[in-house]
C-alpha atoms as a PDB file:
ATOM      1  CA  MET A   1      -0.378  14.087  -9.558  1.00  0.00           C
ATOM      2  CA  THR A   2      -0.784  12.558  -6.113  1.00  0.00           C
ATOM      3  CA  PRO A   3      -4.064  13.122  -4.268  1.00  0.00           C
ATOM      4  CA  ALA A   4      -3.811  16.042  -1.858  1.00  0.00           C
ATOM      5  CA  VAL A   5      -4.165  15.563   1.870  1.00  0.00           C
ATOM      6  CA  GLY A   6      -7.844  16.099   2.661  1.00  0.00           C
ATOM      7  CA  SER A   7      -9.045  14.927  -0.756  1.00  0.00           C
ATOM      8  CA  ARG A   8     -11.056  11.776  -1.460  1.00  0.00           C
ATOM      9  CA  ALA A   9      -8.828   8.794  -2.166  1.00  0.00           C
ATOM     10  CA  PRO A  10      -9.330   7.364  -5.660  1.00  0.00           C
ATOM     11  CA  ASP A  11     -11.373   4.172  -5.395  1.00  0.00           C
ATOM     12  CA  PHE A  12     -10.239   0.955  -7.032  1.00  0.00           C
ATOM     13  CA  THR A  13     -10.821  -2.766  -7.109  1.00  0.00           C
ATOM     14  CA  ALA A  14      -7.864  -5.145  -7.409  1.00  0.00           C
ATOM     15  CA  ARG A  15      -7.178  -8.818  -6.819  1.00  0.00           C
ATOM     16  CA  ASN A  16      -5.091  -9.818  -3.837  1.00  0.00           C
ATOM     17  CA  GLN A  17      -2.509 -12.598  -3.718  1.00  0.00           C
ATOM     18  CA  HIS A  18      -5.343 -15.127  -3.269  1.00  0.00           C
ATOM     19  CA  GLY A  19      -7.281 -13.907  -6.302  1.00  0.00           C
ATOM     20  CA  GLU A  20      -9.952 -12.244  -4.167  1.00  0.00           C
ATOM     21  CA  PRO A  21     -11.286  -8.833  -5.208  1.00  0.00           C
ATOM     22  CA  VAL A  22     -10.467  -6.006  -2.804  1.00  0.00           C
ATOM     23  CA  ARG A  23     -12.244  -2.672  -3.141  1.00  0.00           C
ATOM     24  CA  LEU A  24     -10.941   0.355  -1.284  1.00  0.00           C
ATOM     25  CA  ALA A  25     -14.452   1.745  -0.741  1.00  0.00           C
ATOM     26  CA  ASP A  26     -15.423  -1.407   1.175  1.00  0.00           C
ATOM     27  CA  HIS A  27     -13.293  -0.138   4.083  1.00  0.00           C
ATOM     28  CA  ARG A  28     -15.173   3.167   4.394  1.00  0.00           C
ATOM     29  CA  GLY A  29     -16.827   3.560   7.739  1.00  0.00           C
ATOM     30  CA  ARG A  30     -15.004   0.463   9.030  1.00  0.00           C
ATOM     31  CA  ARG A  31     -11.260   0.900   9.111  1.00  0.00           C
ATOM     32  CA  ASP A  32      -8.426   3.240   8.231  1.00  0.00           C
ATOM     33  CA  VAL A  33      -6.307   2.022   5.309  1.00  0.00           C
ATOM     34  CA  VAL A  34      -2.628   2.384   4.493  1.00  0.00           C
ATOM     35  CA  LEU A  35      -1.788   1.946   0.808  1.00  0.00           C
ATOM     36  CA  VAL A  36       1.851   0.994   0.299  1.00  0.00           C
ATOM     37  CA  PHE A  37       2.874   1.136  -3.367  1.00  0.00           C
ATOM     38  CA  TYR A  38       6.141  -0.663  -4.106  1.00  0.00           C
ATOM     39  CA  PRO A  39       8.060  -1.345  -7.331  1.00  0.00           C
ATOM     40  CA  TYR A  40       8.715  -5.099  -7.483  1.00  0.00           C
ATOM     41  CA  ALA A  41       8.086  -8.270  -5.518  1.00  0.00           C
ATOM     42  CA  PHE A  42      11.253 -10.163  -4.605  1.00  0.00           C
ATOM     43  CA  SER A  43      13.485  -7.074  -4.901  1.00  0.00           C
ATOM     44  CA  GLY A  44      15.781  -6.202  -2.006  1.00  0.00           C
ATOM     45  CA  VAL A  45      14.438  -2.850  -0.783  1.00  0.00           C
ATOM     46  CA  CYS A  46      10.804  -3.879  -1.302  1.00  0.00           C
ATOM     47  CA  THR A  47      11.315  -7.097   0.625  1.00  0.00           C
ATOM     48  CA  ARG A  48      12.981  -5.259   3.522  1.00  0.00           C
ATOM     49  CA  GLU A  49      10.107  -2.741   3.639  1.00  0.00           C
ATOM     50  CA  LEU A  50       7.338  -5.342   3.559  1.00  0.00           C
ATOM     51  CA  THR A  51       8.969  -7.737   6.019  1.00  0.00           C
ATOM     52  CA  THR A  52       9.496  -4.794   8.370  1.00  0.00           C
ATOM     53  CA  LEU A  53       5.730  -4.199   8.181  1.00  0.00           C
ATOM     54  CA  ARG A  54       5.130  -7.915   8.751  1.00  0.00           C
ATOM     55  CA  ASP A  55       7.176  -7.628  11.929  1.00  0.00           C
ATOM     56  CA  ARG A  56       5.213  -4.607  13.243  1.00  0.00           C
ATOM     57  CA  PRO A  57       1.957  -6.035  14.649  1.00  0.00           C
ATOM     58  CA  ASP A  58       1.235  -2.639  16.232  1.00  0.00           C
ATOM     59  CA  LEU A  59       0.935  -1.093  12.777  1.00  0.00           C
ATOM     60  CA  LEU A  60      -0.975  -3.989  11.231  1.00  0.00           C
ATOM     61  CA  ALA A  61      -3.519  -3.907  14.076  1.00  0.00           C
ATOM     62  CA  ALA A  62      -4.076  -0.158  13.705  1.00  0.00           C
ATOM     63  CA  ALA A  63      -5.171  -0.117  10.048  1.00  0.00           C
ATOM     64  CA  GLU A  64      -5.741  -2.237   6.961  1.00  0.00           C
ATOM     65  CA  PHE A  65      -2.430  -2.387   5.122  1.00  0.00           C
ATOM     66  CA  LEU A  66      -2.673  -2.965   1.370  1.00  0.00           C
ATOM     67  CA  ALA A  67       0.594  -3.266  -0.526  1.00  0.00           C
ATOM     68  CA  ILE A  68       0.246  -2.619  -4.259  1.00  0.00           C
ATOM     69  CA  SER A  69       2.615  -3.456  -7.112  1.00  0.00           C
ATOM     70  CA  CYS A  70       2.313  -4.029 -10.849  1.00  0.00           C
ATOM     71  CA  ASP A  71       3.301  -7.676 -10.434  1.00  0.00           C
ATOM     72  CA  PRO A  72       0.856 -10.402 -11.535  1.00  0.00           C
ATOM     73  CA  MET A  73      -1.305 -12.045  -8.869  1.00  0.00           C
ATOM     74  CA  PHE A  74       0.542 -15.370  -9.066  1.00  0.00           C
ATOM     75  CA  THR A  75       3.864 -13.640  -8.419  1.00  0.00           C
ATOM     76  CA  LEU A  76       2.329 -11.922  -5.399  1.00  0.00           C
ATOM     77  CA  ARG A  77       1.072 -15.241  -4.036  1.00  0.00           C
ATOM     78  CA  ALA A  78       4.562 -16.792  -4.307  1.00  0.00           C
ATOM     79  CA  TYR A  79       6.075 -13.659  -2.761  1.00  0.00           C
ATOM     80  CA  ALA A  80       3.598 -13.602   0.144  1.00  0.00           C
ATOM     81  CA  ASP A  81       4.230 -17.289   0.827  1.00  0.00           C
ATOM     82  CA  ALA A  82       8.030 -16.928   0.622  1.00  0.00           C
ATOM     83  CA  GLN A  83       8.105 -13.892   2.947  1.00  0.00           C
ATOM     84  CA  GLU A  84       5.187 -14.939   5.192  1.00  0.00           C
ATOM     85  CA  LEU A  85       3.253 -11.751   4.403  1.00  0.00           C
ATOM     86  CA  GLU A  86      -0.311 -12.010   5.651  1.00  0.00           C
ATOM     87  CA  PHE A  87      -1.589  -8.545   4.769  1.00  0.00           C
ATOM     88  CA  GLY A  88      -3.067  -7.878   1.337  1.00  0.00           C
ATOM     89  CA  LEU A  89      -0.747  -7.724  -1.660  1.00  0.00           C
ATOM     90  CA  LEU A  90      -2.730  -6.244  -4.527  1.00  0.00           C
ATOM     91  CA  SER A  91      -1.959  -6.661  -8.211  1.00  0.00           C
ATOM     92  CA  ASP A  92      -2.002  -3.544 -10.392  1.00  0.00           C
ATOM     93  CA  PHE A  93      -0.920  -5.646 -13.357  1.00  0.00           C
ATOM     94  CA  TRP A  94      -3.829  -4.985 -15.722  1.00  0.00           C
ATOM     95  CA  PRO A  95      -4.637  -2.455 -16.864  1.00  0.00           C
ATOM     96  CA  HIS A  96      -0.957  -2.057 -16.133  1.00  0.00           C
ATOM     97  CA  GLY A  97      -0.353   0.533 -13.433  1.00  0.00           C
ATOM     98  CA  ALA A  98      -3.896   1.953 -13.457  1.00  0.00           C
ATOM     99  CA  ILE A  99      -4.147   2.188  -9.665  1.00  0.00           C
ATOM    100  CA  ALA A 100      -0.633   3.597  -9.264  1.00  0.00           C
ATOM    101  CA  SER A 101      -1.426   6.115 -12.024  1.00  0.00           C
ATOM    102  CA  SER A 102      -4.585   7.258 -10.221  1.00  0.00           C
ATOM    103  CA  TYR A 103      -2.401   7.988  -7.183  1.00  0.00           C
ATOM    104  CA  GLY A 104       0.304   9.707  -9.231  1.00  0.00           C
ATOM    105  CA  VAL A 105       2.964   7.106  -8.424  1.00  0.00           C
ATOM    106  CA  PHE A 106       3.337   5.118 -11.659  1.00  0.00           C
ATOM    107  CA  ASP A 107       6.693   5.291 -13.441  1.00  0.00           C
ATOM    108  CA  PRO A 108       5.903   4.525 -17.109  1.00  0.00           C
ATOM    109  CA  ASP A 109       9.575   4.258 -18.060  1.00  0.00           C
ATOM    110  CA  ARG A 110      10.167   1.451 -15.565  1.00  0.00           C
ATOM    111  CA  GLY A 111       6.641   0.029 -15.723  1.00  0.00           C
ATOM    112  CA  CYS A 112       6.324   0.005 -11.951  1.00  0.00           C
ATOM    113  CA  ALA A 113       5.002   1.943  -8.989  1.00  0.00           C
ATOM    114  CA  LEU A 114       7.134   4.403  -7.081  1.00  0.00           C
ATOM    115  CA  ARG A 115       7.373   4.076  -3.307  1.00  0.00           C
ATOM    116  CA  GLY A 116       4.202   5.968  -2.460  1.00  0.00           C
ATOM    117  CA  THR A 117       2.302   5.598   0.801  1.00  0.00           C
ATOM    118  CA  PHE A 118      -1.161   6.976   1.516  1.00  0.00           C
ATOM    119  CA  VAL A 119      -2.972   6.883   4.850  1.00  0.00           C
ATOM    120  CA  ILE A 120      -6.715   6.962   4.207  1.00  0.00           C
ATOM    121  CA  ASP A 121      -9.194   7.495   7.008  1.00  0.00           C
ATOM    122  CA  ARG A 122     -12.523   5.752   7.525  1.00  0.00           C
ATOM    123  CA  ASP A 123     -14.262   8.482   5.554  1.00  0.00           C
ATOM    124  CA  GLY A 124     -12.132   7.707   2.492  1.00  0.00           C
ATOM    125  CA  LEU A 125     -10.014  10.865   2.742  1.00  0.00           C
ATOM    126  CA  VAL A 126      -6.250  11.008   2.304  1.00  0.00           C
ATOM    127  CA  ARG A 127      -4.795  12.082   5.653  1.00  0.00           C
ATOM    128  CA  TRP A 128      -1.063  11.635   5.023  1.00  0.00           C
ATOM    129  CA  SER A 129       1.189  10.666   2.146  1.00  0.00           C
ATOM    130  CA  VAL A 130       4.819  10.327   1.165  1.00  0.00           C
ATOM    131  CA  VAL A 131       6.515   9.402  -2.108  1.00  0.00           C
ATOM    132  CA  ASN A 132      10.103   8.184  -2.037  1.00  0.00           C
ATOM    133  CA  PRO A 133      12.423   7.545  -4.982  1.00  0.00           C
ATOM    134  CA  VAL A 134      12.600   3.873  -6.015  1.00  0.00           C
ATOM    135  CA  PRO A 135      15.904   3.102  -4.242  1.00  0.00           C
ATOM    136  CA  GLU A 136      14.948   4.846  -0.963  1.00  0.00           C
ATOM    137  CA  ALA A 137      13.111   2.804   1.696  1.00  0.00           C
ATOM    138  CA  ARG A 138      10.352   4.360   3.770  1.00  0.00           C
ATOM    139  CA  ASP A 139      10.403   4.543   7.560  1.00  0.00           C
ATOM    140  CA  PRO A 140       7.536   2.614   9.188  1.00  0.00           C
ATOM    141  CA  ASP A 141       7.729   4.954  12.179  1.00  0.00           C
ATOM    142  CA  ASP A 142       6.331   7.616   9.833  1.00  0.00           C
ATOM    143  CA  TYR A 143       3.268   5.391   9.292  1.00  0.00           C
ATOM    144  CA  ALA A 144       2.951   5.017  13.066  1.00  0.00           C
ATOM    145  CA  ALA A 145       3.020   8.789  13.526  1.00  0.00           C
ATOM    146  CA  ALA A 146       0.409   9.296  10.788  1.00  0.00           C
ATOM    147  CA  LEU A 147      -1.852   6.644  12.325  1.00  0.00           C
ATOM    148  CA  ALA A 148      -1.365   8.130  15.804  1.00  0.00           C
ATOM    149  CA  GLY A 149      -2.633  11.385  14.297  1.00  0.00           C
ATOM    150  CA  LEU A 150      -5.861   9.544  13.509  1.00  0.00           C
ATOM    151  CA  GLY A 151      -6.208   8.502  17.144  1.00  0.00           C
ATOM    152  CA  HIS A 152      -4.512   5.096  17.085  1.00  0.00           C
ATOM    153  CA  ASP A 153      -2.533   4.155  20.200  1.00  0.00           C
ATOM    154  CA  LEU A 154       0.716   2.666  18.923  1.00  0.00           C
ATOM    155  CA  GLY A 155       2.510   2.365  22.238  1.00  0.00           C
END
């Protein structure tokens, strides 16, 4: 089950593509966060979604974007380098899918995350979310609208 809007976002710690630990709670009181769960690094739809984010500095300036997949950290490093992704790519590899499961977006049959997005405010509360089927890309303008609802000026 996905966390309801208005509920506390499940905390987690994961390693990013550089092997550094990232804890969701460390952003509380500092910055809004957008969690972008995606199925697989190097896949077509995922790459289009993440490179579209890369090319939207307005969005990346408004919040901390953390993209999460069940890929191993070393795969995420190669993926980030190949696609020039500078925001955090977090590995939910082990325990496999634990973070995605806590957000209700893990597909155990495929062993990957669904396309779930969660906007979390500075207080650690879920303010907006969407879950798309694996083959269906998300619209980054929806993220912009959700962030504008938190008071961000996105032009």
